[in-house]
Amino acid sequence: MLDRRLSFHKHVSAVARWCNYHAQAIRHLLTIELAQTLACSLILSTIDYCNAVLQGAPSYGIKRLQRVQNNAARIVLEAPRRSDASLLQRTLHWLPVQQRIEYKVALLTFKVRSTSTLLYL
């Protein structure tokens, strides 16, 4: 979803709504392993989808996606609302959103440079 100023506000809002909905559904699962699997497949994959275009986007969009990821980490580990999300993400081996974006851009750049692709790429 694009807008006039390429701020990706509509995209970030749609992703945040989708992920928050599924995070609340995951909250009532029986095991942490099942919650983690569903969070990775539903929430993190949605955050990661096309996140390379968010490189250089306004920081409020990245921060909003980071809050979604923090909320998912707290739900998966059944942690209190005020707990430190960075520690929870390290426990789950999840990269923060900004680092996920940088990793994806670096990986795409590496793949283009190391494979025999067209020269204009």
PDB file of N, CA and C in Angstrom:
ATOM      1  N   MET A   1       0.836  -1.178   0.000  1.00  0.00           N
ATOM      2  CA  MET A   1       0.000   0.000   0.000  1.00  0.00           C
ATOM      3  C   MET A   1       0.880   1.239   0.000  1.00  0.00           C
ATOM      4  N   LEU A   2       0.738   2.038  -1.012  1.00  0.00           N
ATOM      5  CA  LEU A   2       1.548   3.241  -1.139  1.00  0.00           C
ATOM      6  C   LEU A   2       0.696   4.480  -0.918  1.00  0.00           C
ATOM      7  N   ASP A   3       1.326   5.520  -0.415  1.00  0.00           N
ATOM      8  CA  ASP A   3       0.660   6.806  -0.318  1.00  0.00           C
ATOM      9  C   ASP A   3       1.485   7.832  -1.080  1.00  0.00           C
ATOM     10  N   ARG A   4       1.014   9.049  -1.128  1.00  0.00           N
ATOM     11  CA  ARG A   4       1.669  10.073  -1.941  1.00  0.00           C
ATOM     12  C   ARG A   4       3.097  10.374  -1.540  1.00  0.00           C
ATOM     13  N   ARG A   5       3.349  10.416  -0.254  1.00  0.00           N
ATOM     14  CA  ARG A   5       4.679  10.815   0.233  1.00  0.00           C
ATOM     15  C   ARG A   5       5.601   9.626   0.491  1.00  0.00           C
ATOM     16  N   LEU A   6       5.178   8.445   0.141  1.00  0.00           N
ATOM     17  CA  LEU A   6       5.932   7.211   0.380  1.00  0.00           C
ATOM     18  C   LEU A   6       6.331   7.074   1.850  1.00  0.00           C
ATOM     19  N   SER A   7       5.408   7.433   2.733  1.00  0.00           N
ATOM     20  CA  SER A   7       5.673   7.283   4.164  1.00  0.00           C
ATOM     21  C   SER A   7       5.287   5.886   4.644  1.00  0.00           C
ATOM     22  N   PHE A   8       4.576   5.128   3.819  1.00  0.00           N
ATOM     23  CA  PHE A   8       4.142   3.764   4.118  1.00  0.00           C
ATOM     24  C   PHE A   8       3.249   3.705   5.351  1.00  0.00           C
ATOM     25  N   HIS A   9       2.578   4.824   5.664  1.00  0.00           N
ATOM     26  CA  HIS A   9       1.703   4.869   6.834  1.00  0.00           C
ATOM     27  C   HIS A   9       0.559   3.859   6.715  1.00  0.00           C
ATOM     28  N   LYS A  10      -0.050   3.762   5.547  1.00  0.00           N
ATOM     29  CA  LYS A  10      -1.151   2.812   5.355  1.00  0.00           C
ATOM     30  C   LYS A  10      -0.668   1.372   5.476  1.00  0.00           C
ATOM     31  N   HIS A  11       0.499   1.098   4.912  1.00  0.00           N
ATOM     32  CA  HIS A  11       1.063  -0.249   4.984  1.00  0.00           C
ATOM     33  C   HIS A  11       1.352  -0.628   6.432  1.00  0.00           C
ATOM     34  N   VAL A  12       2.002   0.260   7.165  1.00  0.00           N
ATOM     35  CA  VAL A  12       2.352  -0.016   8.558  1.00  0.00           C
ATOM     36  C   VAL A  12       1.082  -0.198   9.392  1.00  0.00           C
ATOM     37  N   SER A  13       0.084   0.615   9.159  1.00  0.00           N
ATOM     38  CA  SER A  13      -1.179   0.489   9.905  1.00  0.00           C
ATOM     39  C   SER A  13      -1.857  -0.847   9.632  1.00  0.00           C
ATOM     40  N   ALA A  14      -1.872  -1.259   8.377  1.00  0.00           N
ATOM     41  CA  ALA A  14      -2.495  -2.541   8.028  1.00  0.00           C
ATOM     42  C   ALA A  14      -1.732  -3.709   8.645  1.00  0.00           C
ATOM     43  N   VAL A  15      -0.418  -3.654   8.591  1.00  0.00           N
ATOM     44  CA  VAL A  15       0.400  -4.725   9.178  1.00  0.00           C
ATOM     45  C   VAL A  15       0.200  -4.766  10.687  1.00  0.00           C
ATOM     46  N   ALA A  16       0.189  -3.611  11.335  1.00  0.00           N
ATOM     47  CA  ALA A  16       0.013  -3.556  12.787  1.00  0.00           C
ATOM     48  C   ALA A  16      -1.353  -4.114  13.197  1.00  0.00           C
ATOM     49  N   ARG A  17      -2.410  -3.757  12.474  1.00  0.00           N
ATOM     50  CA  ARG A  17      -3.747  -4.286  12.792  1.00  0.00           C
ATOM     51  C   ARG A  17      -3.781  -5.802  12.657  1.00  0.00           C
ATOM     52  N   TRP A  18      -3.231  -6.296  11.546  1.00  0.00           N
ATOM     53  CA  TRP A  18      -3.219  -7.738  11.282  1.00  0.00           C
ATOM     54  C   TRP A  18      -2.449  -8.475  12.380  1.00  0.00           C
ATOM     55  N   CYS A  19      -1.280  -7.984  12.715  1.00  0.00           N
ATOM     56  CA  CYS A  19      -0.429  -8.657  13.698  1.00  0.00           C
ATOM     57  C   CYS A  19      -1.032  -8.587  15.100  1.00  0.00           C
ATOM     58  N   ASN A  20      -1.596  -7.449  15.481  1.00  0.00           N
ATOM     59  CA  ASN A  20      -2.211  -7.336  16.803  1.00  0.00           C
ATOM     60  C   ASN A  20      -3.410  -8.265  16.943  1.00  0.00           C
ATOM     61  N   TYR A  21      -4.180  -8.419  15.879  1.00  0.00           N
ATOM     62  CA  TYR A  21      -5.304  -9.344  15.903  1.00  0.00           C
ATOM     63  C   TYR A  21      -4.821 -10.771  16.178  1.00  0.00           C
ATOM     64  N   HIS A  22      -3.788 -11.196  15.458  1.00  0.00           N
ATOM     65  CA  HIS A  22      -3.283 -12.554  15.637  1.00  0.00           C
ATOM     66  C   HIS A  22      -2.548 -12.727  16.958  1.00  0.00           C
ATOM     67  N   ALA A  23      -1.921 -11.676  17.436  1.00  0.00           N
ATOM     68  CA  ALA A  23      -1.249 -11.763  18.741  1.00  0.00           C
ATOM     69  C   ALA A  23      -2.271 -12.012  19.848  1.00  0.00           C
ATOM     70  N   GLN A  24      -3.413 -11.360  19.776  1.00  0.00           N
ATOM     71  CA  GLN A  24      -4.452 -11.591  20.778  1.00  0.00           C
ATOM     72  C   GLN A  24      -5.018 -13.005  20.677  1.00  0.00           C
ATOM     73  N   ALA A  25      -5.081 -13.557  19.479  1.00  0.00           N
ATOM     74  CA  ALA A  25      -5.551 -14.933  19.316  1.00  0.00           C
ATOM     75  C   ALA A  25      -4.536 -15.927  19.871  1.00  0.00           C
ATOM     76  N   ILE A  26      -3.263 -15.620  19.748  1.00  0.00           N
ATOM     77  CA  ILE A  26      -2.200 -16.506  20.245  1.00  0.00           C
ATOM     78  C   ILE A  26      -2.151 -16.504  21.771  1.00  0.00           C
ATOM     79  N   ARG A  27      -2.615 -15.430  22.387  1.00  0.00           N
ATOM     80  CA  ARG A  27      -2.526 -15.258  23.834  1.00  0.00           C
ATOM     81  C   ARG A  27      -3.109 -16.435  24.608  1.00  0.00           C
ATOM     82  N   HIS A  28      -4.099 -17.108  24.080  1.00  0.00           N
ATOM     83  CA  HIS A  28      -4.817 -18.129  24.828  1.00  0.00           C
ATOM     84  C   HIS A  28      -4.383 -19.552  24.486  1.00  0.00           C
ATOM     85  N   LEU A  29      -3.197 -19.716  23.914  1.00  0.00           N
ATOM     86  CA  LEU A  29      -2.727 -21.056  23.561  1.00  0.00           C
ATOM     87  C   LEU A  29      -2.144 -21.757  24.783  1.00  0.00           C
ATOM     88  N   LEU A  30      -2.036 -23.051  24.682  1.00  0.00           N
ATOM     89  CA  LEU A  30      -1.639 -23.844  25.833  1.00  0.00           C
ATOM     90  C   LEU A  30      -0.140 -23.855  26.099  1.00  0.00           C
ATOM     91  N   THR A  31       0.681 -23.948  25.054  1.00  0.00           N
ATOM     92  CA  THR A  31       2.116 -24.080  25.277  1.00  0.00           C
ATOM     93  C   THR A  31       2.876 -22.910  24.671  1.00  0.00           C
ATOM     94  N   ILE A  32       4.036 -22.642  25.250  1.00  0.00           N
ATOM     95  CA  ILE A  32       4.894 -21.564  24.754  1.00  0.00           C
ATOM     96  C   ILE A  32       5.448 -21.929  23.385  1.00  0.00           C
ATOM     97  N   GLU A  33       5.769 -23.203  23.166  1.00  0.00           N
ATOM     98  CA  GLU A  33       6.315 -23.629  21.882  1.00  0.00           C
ATOM     99  C   GLU A  33       5.316 -23.401  20.745  1.00  0.00           C
ATOM    100  N   LEU A  34       4.063 -23.726  20.994  1.00  0.00           N
ATOM    101  CA  LEU A  34       3.034 -23.512  19.981  1.00  0.00           C
ATOM    102  C   LEU A  34       2.824 -22.018  19.731  1.00  0.00           C
ATOM    103  N   ALA A  35       2.825 -21.237  20.795  1.00  0.00           N
ATOM    104  CA  ALA A  35       2.667 -19.783  20.649  1.00  0.00           C
ATOM    105  C   ALA A  35       3.833 -19.192  19.863  1.00  0.00           C
ATOM    106  N   GLN A  36       5.056 -19.671  20.128  1.00  0.00           N
ATOM    107  CA  GLN A  36       6.217 -19.159  19.412  1.00  0.00           C
ATOM    108  C   GLN A  36       6.158 -19.536  17.931  1.00  0.00           C
ATOM    109  N   THR A  37       5.759 -20.738  17.637  1.00  0.00           N
ATOM    110  CA  THR A  37       5.651 -21.172  16.247  1.00  0.00           C
ATOM    111  C   THR A  37       4.619 -20.332  15.492  1.00  0.00           C
ATOM    112  N   LEU A  38       3.476 -20.110  16.095  1.00  0.00           N
ATOM    113  CA  LEU A  38       2.447 -19.315  15.443  1.00  0.00           C
ATOM    114  C   LEU A  38       2.845 -17.846  15.327  1.00  0.00           C
ATOM    115  N   ALA A  39       3.535 -17.329  16.335  1.00  0.00           N
ATOM    116  CA  ALA A  39       3.990 -15.937  16.262  1.00  0.00           C
ATOM    117  C   ALA A  39       4.997 -15.762  15.134  1.00  0.00           C
ATOM    118  N   CYS A  40       5.894 -16.706  14.977  1.00  0.00           N
ATOM    119  CA  CYS A  40       6.870 -16.618  13.889  1.00  0.00           C
ATOM    120  C   CYS A  40       6.192 -16.730  12.533  1.00  0.00           C
ATOM    121  N   SER A  41       5.248 -17.650  12.413  1.00  0.00           N
ATOM    122  CA  SER A  41       4.634 -17.863  11.102  1.00  0.00           C
ATOM    123  C   SER A  41       3.601 -16.796  10.751  1.00  0.00           C
ATOM    124  N   LEU A  42       2.889 -16.265  11.723  1.00  0.00           N
ATOM    125  CA  LEU A  42       1.854 -15.278  11.424  1.00  0.00           C
ATOM    126  C   LEU A  42       2.330 -13.839  11.571  1.00  0.00           C
ATOM    127  N   ILE A  43       2.986 -13.535  12.674  1.00  0.00           N
ATOM    128  CA  ILE A  43       3.321 -12.146  12.992  1.00  0.00           C
ATOM    129  C   ILE A  43       4.645 -11.727  12.368  1.00  0.00           C
ATOM    130  N   LEU A  44       5.702 -12.475  12.629  1.00  0.00           N
ATOM    131  CA  LEU A  44       7.012 -12.072  12.114  1.00  0.00           C
ATOM    132  C   LEU A  44       7.085 -12.157  10.597  1.00  0.00           C
ATOM    133  N   SER A  45       6.422 -13.150  10.018  1.00  0.00           N
ATOM    134  CA  SER A  45       6.441 -13.230   8.552  1.00  0.00           C
ATOM    135  C   SER A  45       5.692 -12.050   7.938  1.00  0.00           C
ATOM    136  N   THR A  46       4.648 -11.571   8.601  1.00  0.00           N
ATOM    137  CA  THR A  46       3.913 -10.404   8.105  1.00  0.00           C
ATOM    138  C   THR A  46       4.759  -9.142   8.237  1.00  0.00           C
ATOM    139  N   ILE A  47       5.469  -9.007   9.351  1.00  0.00           N
ATOM    140  CA  ILE A  47       6.356  -7.854   9.534  1.00  0.00           C
ATOM    141  C   ILE A  47       7.477  -7.884   8.504  1.00  0.00           C
ATOM    142  N   ASP A  48       7.990  -9.073   8.208  1.00  0.00           N
ATOM    143  CA  ASP A  48       9.114  -9.206   7.283  1.00  0.00           C
ATOM    144  C   ASP A  48       8.718  -9.059   5.815  1.00  0.00           C
ATOM    145  N   TYR A  49       7.444  -9.264   5.498  1.00  0.00           N
ATOM    146  CA  TYR A  49       7.019  -9.215   4.105  1.00  0.00           C
ATOM    147  C   TYR A  49       7.239  -7.809   3.554  1.00  0.00           C
ATOM    148  N   CYS A  50       8.044  -7.701   2.521  1.00  0.00           N
ATOM    149  CA  CYS A  50       8.349  -6.436   1.845  1.00  0.00           C
ATOM    150  C   CYS A  50       8.936  -5.386   2.780  1.00  0.00           C
ATOM    151  N   ASN A  51       9.617  -5.813   3.836  1.00  0.00           N
ATOM    152  CA  ASN A  51      10.152  -4.810   4.759  1.00  0.00           C
ATOM    153  C   ASN A  51      11.390  -4.117   4.206  1.00  0.00           C
ATOM    154  N   ALA A  52      11.967  -4.622   3.136  1.00  0.00           N
ATOM    155  CA  ALA A  52      13.124  -3.952   2.543  1.00  0.00           C
ATOM    156  C   ALA A  52      12.757  -2.575   2.006  1.00  0.00           C
ATOM    157  N   VAL A  53      11.500  -2.376   1.609  1.00  0.00           N
ATOM    158  CA  VAL A  53      11.082  -1.057   1.126  1.00  0.00           C
ATOM    159  C   VAL A  53      10.965  -0.052   2.259  1.00  0.00           C
ATOM    160  N   LEU A  54      10.974  -0.519   3.495  1.00  0.00           N
ATOM    161  CA  LEU A  54      10.906   0.384   4.637  1.00  0.00           C
ATOM    162  C   LEU A  54      12.263   0.981   4.998  1.00  0.00           C
ATOM    163  N   GLN A  55      13.298   0.556   4.297  1.00  0.00           N
ATOM    164  CA  GLN A  55      14.624   1.145   4.519  1.00  0.00           C
ATOM    165  C   GLN A  55      14.554   2.631   4.198  1.00  0.00           C
ATOM    166  N   GLY A  56      14.835   3.461   5.175  1.00  0.00           N
ATOM    167  CA  GLY A  56      14.776   4.900   4.986  1.00  0.00           C
ATOM    168  C   GLY A  56      13.396   5.498   5.191  1.00  0.00           C
ATOM    169  N   ALA A  57      12.423   4.685   5.566  1.00  0.00           N
ATOM    170  CA  ALA A  57      11.075   5.194   5.837  1.00  0.00           C
ATOM    171  C   ALA A  57      11.091   5.970   7.156  1.00  0.00           C
ATOM    172  N   PRO A  58      10.076   6.789   7.401  1.00  0.00           N
ATOM    173  CA  PRO A  58      10.019   7.539   8.655  1.00  0.00           C
ATOM    174  C   PRO A  58      10.075   6.615   9.878  1.00  0.00           C
ATOM    175  N   SER A  59      10.707   7.105  10.927  1.00  0.00           N
ATOM    176  CA  SER A  59      10.952   6.256  12.097  1.00  0.00           C
ATOM    177  C   SER A  59       9.681   5.884  12.847  1.00  0.00           C
ATOM    178  N   TYR A  60       8.614   6.683  12.731  1.00  0.00           N
ATOM    179  CA  TYR A  60       7.401   6.337  13.472  1.00  0.00           C
ATOM    180  C   TYR A  60       6.802   5.026  12.968  1.00  0.00           C
ATOM    181  N   GLY A  61       6.953   4.731  11.694  1.00  0.00           N
ATOM    182  CA  GLY A  61       6.450   3.463  11.167  1.00  0.00           C
ATOM    183  C   GLY A  61       7.243   2.286  11.694  1.00  0.00           C
ATOM    184  N   ILE A  62       8.556   2.440  11.734  1.00  0.00           N
ATOM    185  CA  ILE A  62       9.422   1.379  12.257  1.00  0.00           C
ATOM    186  C   ILE A  62       9.135   1.167  13.741  1.00  0.00           C
ATOM    187  N   LYS A  63       8.963   2.259  14.471  1.00  0.00           N
ATOM    188  CA  LYS A  63       8.674   2.148  15.912  1.00  0.00           C
ATOM    189  C   LYS A  63       7.340   1.457  16.158  1.00  0.00           C
ATOM    190  N   ARG A  64       6.373   1.724  15.304  1.00  0.00           N
ATOM    191  CA  ARG A  64       5.071   1.076  15.468  1.00  0.00           C
ATOM    192  C   ARG A  64       5.179  -0.426  15.237  1.00  0.00           C
ATOM    193  N   LEU A  65       5.927  -0.827  14.221  1.00  0.00           N
ATOM    194  CA  LEU A  65       6.141  -2.255  13.980  1.00  0.00           C
ATOM    195  C   LEU A  65       6.951  -2.881  15.115  1.00  0.00           C
ATOM    196  N   GLN A  66       7.871  -2.116  15.685  1.00  0.00           N
ATOM    197  CA  GLN A  66       8.655  -2.629  16.813  1.00  0.00           C
ATOM    198  C   GLN A  66       7.747  -2.863  18.023  1.00  0.00           C
ATOM    199  N   ARG A  67       6.789  -1.979  18.253  1.00  0.00           N
ATOM    200  CA  ARG A  67       5.842  -2.184  19.358  1.00  0.00           C
ATOM    201  C   ARG A  67       5.015  -3.442  19.142  1.00  0.00           C
ATOM    202  N   VAL A  68       4.648  -3.710  17.898  1.00  0.00           N
ATOM    203  CA  VAL A  68       3.911  -4.935  17.586  1.00  0.00           C
ATOM    204  C   VAL A  68       4.766  -6.156  17.906  1.00  0.00           C
ATOM    205  N   GLN A  69       6.029  -6.115  17.512  1.00  0.00           N
ATOM    206  CA  GLN A  69       6.921  -7.239  17.779  1.00  0.00           C
ATOM    207  C   GLN A  69       7.158  -7.394  19.286  1.00  0.00           C
ATOM    208  N   ASN A  70       7.304  -6.287  19.999  1.00  0.00           N
ATOM    209  CA  ASN A  70       7.468  -6.347  21.456  1.00  0.00           C
ATOM    210  C   ASN A  70       6.251  -6.996  22.107  1.00  0.00           C
ATOM    211  N   ASN A  71       5.065  -6.600  21.655  1.00  0.00           N
ATOM    212  CA  ASN A  71       3.833  -7.168  22.185  1.00  0.00           C
ATOM    213  C   ASN A  71       3.781  -8.669  21.922  1.00  0.00           C
ATOM    214  N   ALA A  72       4.179  -9.089  20.739  1.00  0.00           N
ATOM    215  CA  ALA A  72       4.177 -10.523  20.405  1.00  0.00           C
ATOM    216  C   ALA A  72       5.149 -11.288  21.295  1.00  0.00           C
ATOM    217  N   ALA A  73       6.314 -10.715  21.559  1.00  0.00           N
ATOM    218  CA  ALA A  73       7.292 -11.387  22.431  1.00  0.00           C
ATOM    219  C   ALA A  73       6.743 -11.536  23.843  1.00  0.00           C
ATOM    220  N   ARG A  74       6.073 -10.511  24.351  1.00  0.00           N
ATOM    221  CA  ARG A  74       5.487 -10.597  25.698  1.00  0.00           C
ATOM    222  C   ARG A  74       4.381 -11.649  25.753  1.00  0.00           C
ATOM    223  N   ILE A  75       3.587 -11.734  24.688  1.00  0.00           N
ATOM    224  CA  ILE A  75       2.500 -12.710  24.659  1.00  0.00           C
ATOM    225  C   ILE A  75       3.053 -14.124  24.585  1.00  0.00           C
ATOM    226  N   VAL A  76       4.050 -14.343  23.737  1.00  0.00           N
ATOM    227  CA  VAL A  76       4.612 -15.689  23.568  1.00  0.00           C
ATOM    228  C   VAL A  76       5.222 -16.189  24.872  1.00  0.00           C
ATOM    229  N   LEU A  77       5.963 -15.333  25.558  1.00  0.00           N
ATOM    230  CA  LEU A  77       6.632 -15.748  26.793  1.00  0.00           C
ATOM    231  C   LEU A  77       5.795 -15.501  28.044  1.00  0.00           C
ATOM    232  N   GLU A  78       4.560 -15.064  27.858  1.00  0.00           N
ATOM    233  CA  GLU A  78       3.644 -14.800  28.963  1.00  0.00           C
ATOM    234  C   GLU A  78       4.273 -13.867  29.994  1.00  0.00           C
ATOM    235  N   ALA A  79       4.923 -12.827  29.503  1.00  0.00           N
ATOM    236  CA  ALA A  79       5.613 -11.871  30.364  1.00  0.00           C
ATOM    237  C   ALA A  79       4.659 -10.728  30.718  1.00  0.00           C
ATOM    238  N   PRO A  80       4.950 -10.044  31.829  1.00  0.00           N
ATOM    239  CA  PRO A  80       4.133  -8.882  32.185  1.00  0.00           C
ATOM    240  C   PRO A  80       4.242  -7.774  31.148  1.00  0.00           C
ATOM    241  N   ARG A  81       3.256  -6.917  31.142  1.00  0.00           N
ATOM    242  CA  ARG A  81       3.175  -5.851  30.145  1.00  0.00           C
ATOM    243  C   ARG A  81       4.350  -4.881  30.211  1.00  0.00           C
ATOM    244  N   ARG A  82       4.908  -4.658  31.370  1.00  0.00           N
ATOM    245  CA  ARG A  82       6.000  -3.700  31.559  1.00  0.00           C
ATOM    246  C   ARG A  82       7.390  -4.335  31.469  1.00  0.00           C
ATOM    247  N   SER A  83       7.482  -5.607  31.130  1.00  0.00           N
ATOM    248  CA  SER A  83       8.785  -6.269  31.067  1.00  0.00           C
ATOM    249  C   SER A  83       9.603  -5.755  29.885  1.00  0.00           C
ATOM    250  N   ASP A  84      10.925  -5.873  29.995  1.00  0.00           N
ATOM    251  CA  ASP A  84      11.834  -5.379  28.966  1.00  0.00           C
ATOM    252  C   ASP A  84      11.748  -6.270  27.725  1.00  0.00           C
ATOM    253  N   ALA A  85      11.296  -5.690  26.640  1.00  0.00           N
ATOM    254  CA  ALA A  85      11.068  -6.464  25.419  1.00  0.00           C
ATOM    255  C   ALA A  85      12.365  -6.898  24.762  1.00  0.00           C
ATOM    256  N   SER A  86      13.437  -6.113  24.907  1.00  0.00           N
ATOM    257  CA  SER A  86      14.693  -6.500  24.252  1.00  0.00           C
ATOM    258  C   SER A  86      15.248  -7.792  24.852  1.00  0.00           C
ATOM    259  N   LEU A  87      15.085  -7.985  26.145  1.00  0.00           N
ATOM    260  CA  LEU A  87      15.521  -9.245  26.763  1.00  0.00           C
ATOM    261  C   LEU A  87      14.666 -10.418  26.282  1.00  0.00           C
ATOM    262  N   LEU A  88      13.390 -10.171  26.143  1.00  0.00           N
ATOM    263  CA  LEU A  88      12.494 -11.229  25.656  1.00  0.00           C
ATOM    264  C   LEU A  88      12.824 -11.610  24.223  1.00  0.00           C
ATOM    265  N   GLN A  89      13.136 -10.615  23.396  1.00  0.00           N
ATOM    266  CA  GLN A  89      13.477 -10.899  22.004  1.00  0.00           C
ATOM    267  C   GLN A  89      14.784 -11.668  21.904  1.00  0.00           C
ATOM    268  N   ARG A  90      15.729 -11.348  22.778  1.00  0.00           N
ATOM    269  CA  ARG A  90      16.977 -12.121  22.777  1.00  0.00           C
ATOM    270  C   ARG A  90      16.713 -13.556  23.185  1.00  0.00           C
ATOM    271  N   THR A  91      15.818 -13.769  24.138  1.00  0.00           N
ATOM    272  CA  THR A  91      15.460 -15.119  24.554  1.00  0.00           C
ATOM    273  C   THR A  91      14.852 -15.905  23.396  1.00  0.00           C
ATOM    274  N   LEU A  92      14.035 -15.229  22.601  1.00  0.00           N
ATOM    275  CA  LEU A  92      13.384 -15.874  21.452  1.00  0.00           C
ATOM    276  C   LEU A  92      14.258 -15.893  20.201  1.00  0.00           C
ATOM    277  N   HIS A  93      15.419 -15.238  20.251  1.00  0.00           N
ATOM    278  CA  HIS A  93      16.327 -15.118  19.109  1.00  0.00           C
ATOM    279  C   HIS A  93      15.678 -14.364  17.954  1.00  0.00           C
ATOM    280  N   TRP A  94      14.997 -13.265  18.285  1.00  0.00           N
ATOM    281  CA  TRP A  94      14.363 -12.398  17.292  1.00  0.00           C
ATOM    282  C   TRP A  94      15.170 -11.122  17.158  1.00  0.00           C
ATOM    283  N   LEU A  95      15.437 -10.714  15.934  1.00  0.00           N
ATOM    284  CA  LEU A  95      16.073  -9.422  15.693  1.00  0.00           C
ATOM    285  C   LEU A  95      15.037  -8.303  15.796  1.00  0.00           C
ATOM    286  N   PRO A  96      15.438  -7.133  16.284  1.00  0.00           N
ATOM    287  CA  PRO A  96      14.511  -5.986  16.248  1.00  0.00           C
ATOM    288  C   PRO A  96      14.174  -5.623  14.807  1.00  0.00           C
ATOM    289  N   VAL A  97      13.095  -4.902  14.626  1.00  0.00           N
ATOM    290  CA  VAL A  97      12.555  -4.613  13.289  1.00  0.00           C
ATOM    291  C   VAL A  97      13.582  -3.882  12.422  1.00  0.00           C
ATOM    292  N   GLN A  98      14.235  -2.865  12.958  1.00  0.00           N
ATOM    293  CA  GLN A  98      15.213  -2.116  12.165  1.00  0.00           C
ATOM    294  C   GLN A  98      16.352  -3.022  11.699  1.00  0.00           C
ATOM    295  N   GLN A  99      16.820  -3.899  12.563  1.00  0.00           N
ATOM    296  CA  GLN A  99      17.885  -4.820  12.178  1.00  0.00           C
ATOM    297  C   GLN A  99      17.389  -5.863  11.186  1.00  0.00           C
ATOM    298  N   ARG A 100      16.122  -6.258  11.279  1.00  0.00           N
ATOM    299  CA  ARG A 100      15.551  -7.186  10.302  1.00  0.00           C
ATOM    300  C   ARG A 100      15.537  -6.553   8.915  1.00  0.00           C
ATOM    301  N   ILE A 101      15.206  -5.266   8.859  1.00  0.00           N
ATOM    302  CA  ILE A 101      15.186  -4.546   7.585  1.00  0.00           C
ATOM    303  C   ILE A 101      16.599  -4.463   7.016  1.00  0.00           C
ATOM    304  N   GLU A 102      17.567  -4.077   7.851  1.00  0.00           N
ATOM    305  CA  GLU A 102      18.949  -3.963   7.390  1.00  0.00           C
ATOM    306  C   GLU A 102      19.493  -5.314   6.940  1.00  0.00           C
ATOM    307  N   TYR A 103      19.151  -6.376   7.665  1.00  0.00           N
ATOM    308  CA  TYR A 103      19.606  -7.714   7.289  1.00  0.00           C
ATOM    309  C   TYR A 103      19.041  -8.112   5.930  1.00  0.00           C
ATOM    310  N   LYS A 104      17.753  -7.828   5.708  1.00  0.00           N
ATOM    311  CA  LYS A 104      17.134  -8.213   4.446  1.00  0.00           C
ATOM    312  C   LYS A 104      17.752  -7.457   3.275  1.00  0.00           C
ATOM    313  N   VAL A 105      18.001  -6.159   3.449  1.00  0.00           N
ATOM    314  CA  VAL A 105      18.622  -5.375   2.384  1.00  0.00           C
ATOM    315  C   VAL A 105      20.030  -5.900   2.108  1.00  0.00           C
ATOM    316  N   ALA A 106      20.782  -6.196   3.162  1.00  0.00           N
ATOM    317  CA  ALA A 106      22.137  -6.728   2.985  1.00  0.00           C
ATOM    318  C   ALA A 106      22.108  -8.088   2.290  1.00  0.00           C
ATOM    319  N   LEU A 107      21.157  -8.930   2.659  1.00  0.00           N
ATOM    320  CA  LEU A 107      21.046 -10.247   2.039  1.00  0.00           C
ATOM    321  C   LEU A 107      20.675 -10.141   0.561  1.00  0.00           C
ATOM    322  N   LEU A 108      19.728  -9.269   0.244  1.00  0.00           N
ATOM    323  CA  LEU A 108      19.362  -9.079  -1.162  1.00  0.00           C
ATOM    324  C   LEU A 108      20.531  -8.530  -1.970  1.00  0.00           C
ATOM    325  N   THR A 109      21.265  -7.598  -1.392  1.00  0.00           N
ATOM    326  CA  THR A 109      22.436  -7.041  -2.071  1.00  0.00           C
ATOM    327  C   THR A 109      23.491  -8.116  -2.308  1.00  0.00           C
ATOM    328  N   PHE A 110      23.734  -8.944  -1.303  1.00  0.00           N
ATOM    329  CA  PHE A 110      24.703 -10.023  -1.435  1.00  0.00           C
ATOM    330  C   PHE A 110      24.287 -11.000  -2.530  1.00  0.00           C
ATOM    331  N   LYS A 111      23.007 -11.367  -2.546  1.00  0.00           N
ATOM    332  CA  LYS A 111      22.535 -12.319  -3.559  1.00  0.00           C
ATOM    333  C   LYS A 111      22.674 -11.759  -4.969  1.00  0.00           C
ATOM    334  N   VAL A 112      22.356 -10.485  -5.136  1.00  0.00           N
ATOM    335  CA  VAL A 112      22.477  -9.876  -6.459  1.00  0.00           C
ATOM    336  C   VAL A 112      23.935  -9.812  -6.878  1.00  0.00           C
ATOM    337  N   ARG A 113      24.807  -9.446  -5.944  1.00  0.00           N
ATOM    338  CA  ARG A 113      26.229  -9.300  -6.282  1.00  0.00           C
ATOM    339  C   ARG A 113      26.932 -10.639  -6.495  1.00  0.00           C
ATOM    340  N   SER A 114      26.509 -11.690  -5.798  1.00  0.00           N
ATOM    341  CA  SER A 114      27.249 -12.950  -5.858  1.00  0.00           C
ATOM    342  C   SER A 114      26.711 -13.935  -6.889  1.00  0.00           C
ATOM    343  N   THR A 115      25.519 -13.710  -7.396  1.00  0.00           N
ATOM    344  CA  THR A 115      24.980 -14.626  -8.398  1.00  0.00           C
ATOM    345  C   THR A 115      25.128 -14.004  -9.777  1.00  0.00           C
ATOM    346  N   SER A 116      24.954 -14.811 -10.766  1.00  0.00           N
ATOM    347  CA  SER A 116      25.084 -14.317 -12.120  1.00  0.00           C
ATOM    348  C   SER A 116      23.732 -13.742 -12.566  1.00  0.00           C
ATOM    349  N   THR A 117      23.519 -12.513 -12.176  1.00  0.00           N
ATOM    350  CA  THR A 117      22.286 -11.835 -12.566  1.00  0.00           C
ATOM    351  C   THR A 117      22.603 -10.804 -13.650  1.00  0.00           C
ATOM    352  N   LEU A 118      21.597 -10.136 -14.069  1.00  0.00           N
ATOM    353  CA  LEU A 118      21.782  -9.096 -15.069  1.00  0.00           C
ATOM    354  C   LEU A 118      22.626  -7.956 -14.493  1.00  0.00           C
ATOM    355  N   LEU A 119      23.418  -7.334 -15.326  1.00  0.00           N
ATOM    356  CA  LEU A 119      24.354  -6.316 -14.851  1.00  0.00           C
ATOM    357  C   LEU A 119      23.669  -5.080 -14.288  1.00  0.00           C
ATOM    358  N   TYR A 120      22.487  -4.753 -14.766  1.00  0.00           N
ATOM    359  CA  TYR A 120      21.846  -3.529 -14.286  1.00  0.00           C
ATOM    360  C   TYR A 120      21.342  -3.673 -12.847  1.00  0.00           C
ATOM    361  N   LEU A 121      21.226  -4.898 -12.318  1.00  0.00           N
ATOM    362  CA  LEU A 121      20.835  -5.072 -10.930  1.00  0.00           C
ATOM    363  C   LEU A 121      22.024  -4.852 -10.036  1.00  0.00           C
TER     364      LEU A 121
END
